[in-house]
Amino acid sequence: EEIFNLIAEVIAMDEEVKFKNKGTFSLLKRKKRRIGSPTSKEVREIIPKKTIKFVQSKILEIS
């Protein structure tokens, strides 16, 4: 649990956390966007948010 807290703290400072031969954690900033419901024709706005993204190393990819 302490490792995940440390990763979250580093990512919150807009840094990347890289694990050799495992992958990379980084901060993904999503923009504000508009979506529309096809049935009700209602248009809504989705608020911008930040999420954590993990990209695994090519060594871990299983064929």
C-alpha atoms as a PDB file:
ATOM      1  CA  GLU A   1       0.000   0.000   0.000  1.00  0.00           C
ATOM      2  CA  GLU A   2       2.890   2.353   0.731  1.00  0.00           C
ATOM      3  CA  ILE A   3       4.267   1.811  -2.763  1.00  0.00           C
ATOM      4  CA  PHE A   4       0.962   2.848  -4.352  1.00  0.00           C
ATOM      5  CA  ASN A   5       0.803   5.950  -2.144  1.00  0.00           C
ATOM      6  CA  LEU A   6       4.327   6.890  -3.205  1.00  0.00           C
ATOM      7  CA  ILE A   7       3.468   6.387  -6.890  1.00  0.00           C
ATOM      8  CA  ALA A   8       0.363   8.588  -6.474  1.00  0.00           C
ATOM      9  CA  GLU A   9       2.405  11.356  -4.814  1.00  0.00           C
ATOM     10  CA  VAL A  10       5.010  11.377  -7.592  1.00  0.00           C
ATOM     11  CA  ILE A  11       2.371  11.343 -10.337  1.00  0.00           C
ATOM     12  CA  ALA A  12       0.533  14.224  -8.644  1.00  0.00           C
ATOM     13  CA  MET A  13       3.685  16.311  -9.190  1.00  0.00           C
ATOM     14  CA  ASP A  14       3.344  15.721 -12.985  1.00  0.00           C
ATOM     15  CA  GLU A  15       6.205  13.231 -13.031  1.00  0.00           C
ATOM     16  CA  GLU A  16       6.396   9.739 -14.505  1.00  0.00           C
ATOM     17  CA  VAL A  17       7.202   6.584 -12.567  1.00  0.00           C
ATOM     18  CA  LYS A  18       9.137   4.044 -14.621  1.00  0.00           C
ATOM     19  CA  PHE A  19       9.784   0.445 -13.654  1.00  0.00           C
ATOM     20  CA  LYS A  20      12.519  -1.177 -15.716  1.00  0.00           C
ATOM     21  CA  ASN A  21      11.132  -4.009 -17.895  1.00  0.00           C
ATOM     22  CA  LYS A  22       7.669  -3.578 -16.315  1.00  0.00           C
ATOM     23  CA  GLY A  23       6.039  -0.331 -17.439  1.00  0.00           C
ATOM     24  CA  THR A  24       5.391   3.361 -16.840  1.00  0.00           C
ATOM     25  CA  PHE A  25       2.796   5.196 -14.753  1.00  0.00           C
ATOM     26  CA  SER A  26       1.947   8.714 -15.913  1.00  0.00           C
ATOM     27  CA  LEU A  27      -0.720  11.388 -15.505  1.00  0.00           C
ATOM     28  CA  LEU A  28      -3.304  11.652 -18.284  1.00  0.00           C
ATOM     29  CA  LYS A  29      -5.195  14.943 -18.511  1.00  0.00           C
ATOM     30  CA  ARG A  30      -8.553  14.602 -20.228  1.00  0.00           C
ATOM     31  CA  LYS A  31     -10.092  17.678 -21.841  1.00  0.00           C
ATOM     32  CA  LYS A  32     -13.634  18.981 -21.469  1.00  0.00           C
ATOM     33  CA  ARG A  33     -15.885  17.562 -24.179  1.00  0.00           C
ATOM     34  CA  ARG A  34     -19.493  17.448 -25.248  1.00  0.00           C
ATOM     35  CA  ILE A  35     -21.494  14.285 -25.769  1.00  0.00           C
ATOM     36  CA  GLY A  36     -24.990  13.730 -27.092  1.00  0.00           C
ATOM     37  CA  SER A  37     -27.490  11.006 -26.277  1.00  0.00           C
ATOM     38  CA  PRO A  38     -28.783   9.392 -29.489  1.00  0.00           C
ATOM     39  CA  THR A  39     -32.220   8.631 -27.992  1.00  0.00           C
ATOM     40  CA  SER A  40     -33.066  11.826 -26.091  1.00  0.00           C
ATOM     41  CA  LYS A  41     -30.939  14.214 -28.204  1.00  0.00           C
ATOM     42  CA  GLU A  42     -29.702  15.767 -24.951  1.00  0.00           C
ATOM     43  CA  VAL A  43     -26.235  17.333 -25.108  1.00  0.00           C
ATOM     44  CA  ARG A  44     -24.058  17.171 -21.983  1.00  0.00           C
ATOM     45  CA  GLU A  45     -20.604  18.388 -21.131  1.00  0.00           C
ATOM     46  CA  ILE A  46     -18.090  16.080 -19.487  1.00  0.00           C
ATOM     47  CA  ILE A  47     -15.840  17.875 -17.054  1.00  0.00           C
ATOM     48  CA  PRO A  48     -12.055  17.749 -17.484  1.00  0.00           C
ATOM     49  CA  LYS A  49     -10.287  15.312 -15.185  1.00  0.00           C
ATOM     50  CA  LYS A  50      -6.950  13.726 -14.467  1.00  0.00           C
ATOM     51  CA  THR A  51      -6.404   9.963 -14.433  1.00  0.00           C
ATOM     52  CA  ILE A  52      -3.454   7.645 -14.000  1.00  0.00           C
ATOM     53  CA  LYS A  53      -2.295   5.797 -17.095  1.00  0.00           C
ATOM     54  CA  PHE A  54      -0.130   2.670 -17.132  1.00  0.00           C
ATOM     55  CA  VAL A  55       1.740   1.572 -20.246  1.00  0.00           C
ATOM     56  CA  GLN A  56       3.315  -1.850 -19.964  1.00  0.00           C
ATOM     57  CA  SER A  57       6.746  -2.650 -21.285  1.00  0.00           C
ATOM     58  CA  LYS A  58       7.072  -4.467 -24.592  1.00  0.00           C
ATOM     59  CA  ILE A  59       8.852  -7.267 -22.717  1.00  0.00           C
ATOM     60  CA  LEU A  60       5.633  -8.000 -20.767  1.00  0.00           C
ATOM     61  CA  GLU A  61       3.428  -8.252 -23.841  1.00  0.00           C
ATOM     62  CA  ILE A  62       2.262 -11.822 -24.350  1.00  0.00           C
ATOM     63  CA  SER A  63       1.785 -13.021 -27.901  1.00  0.00           C
END
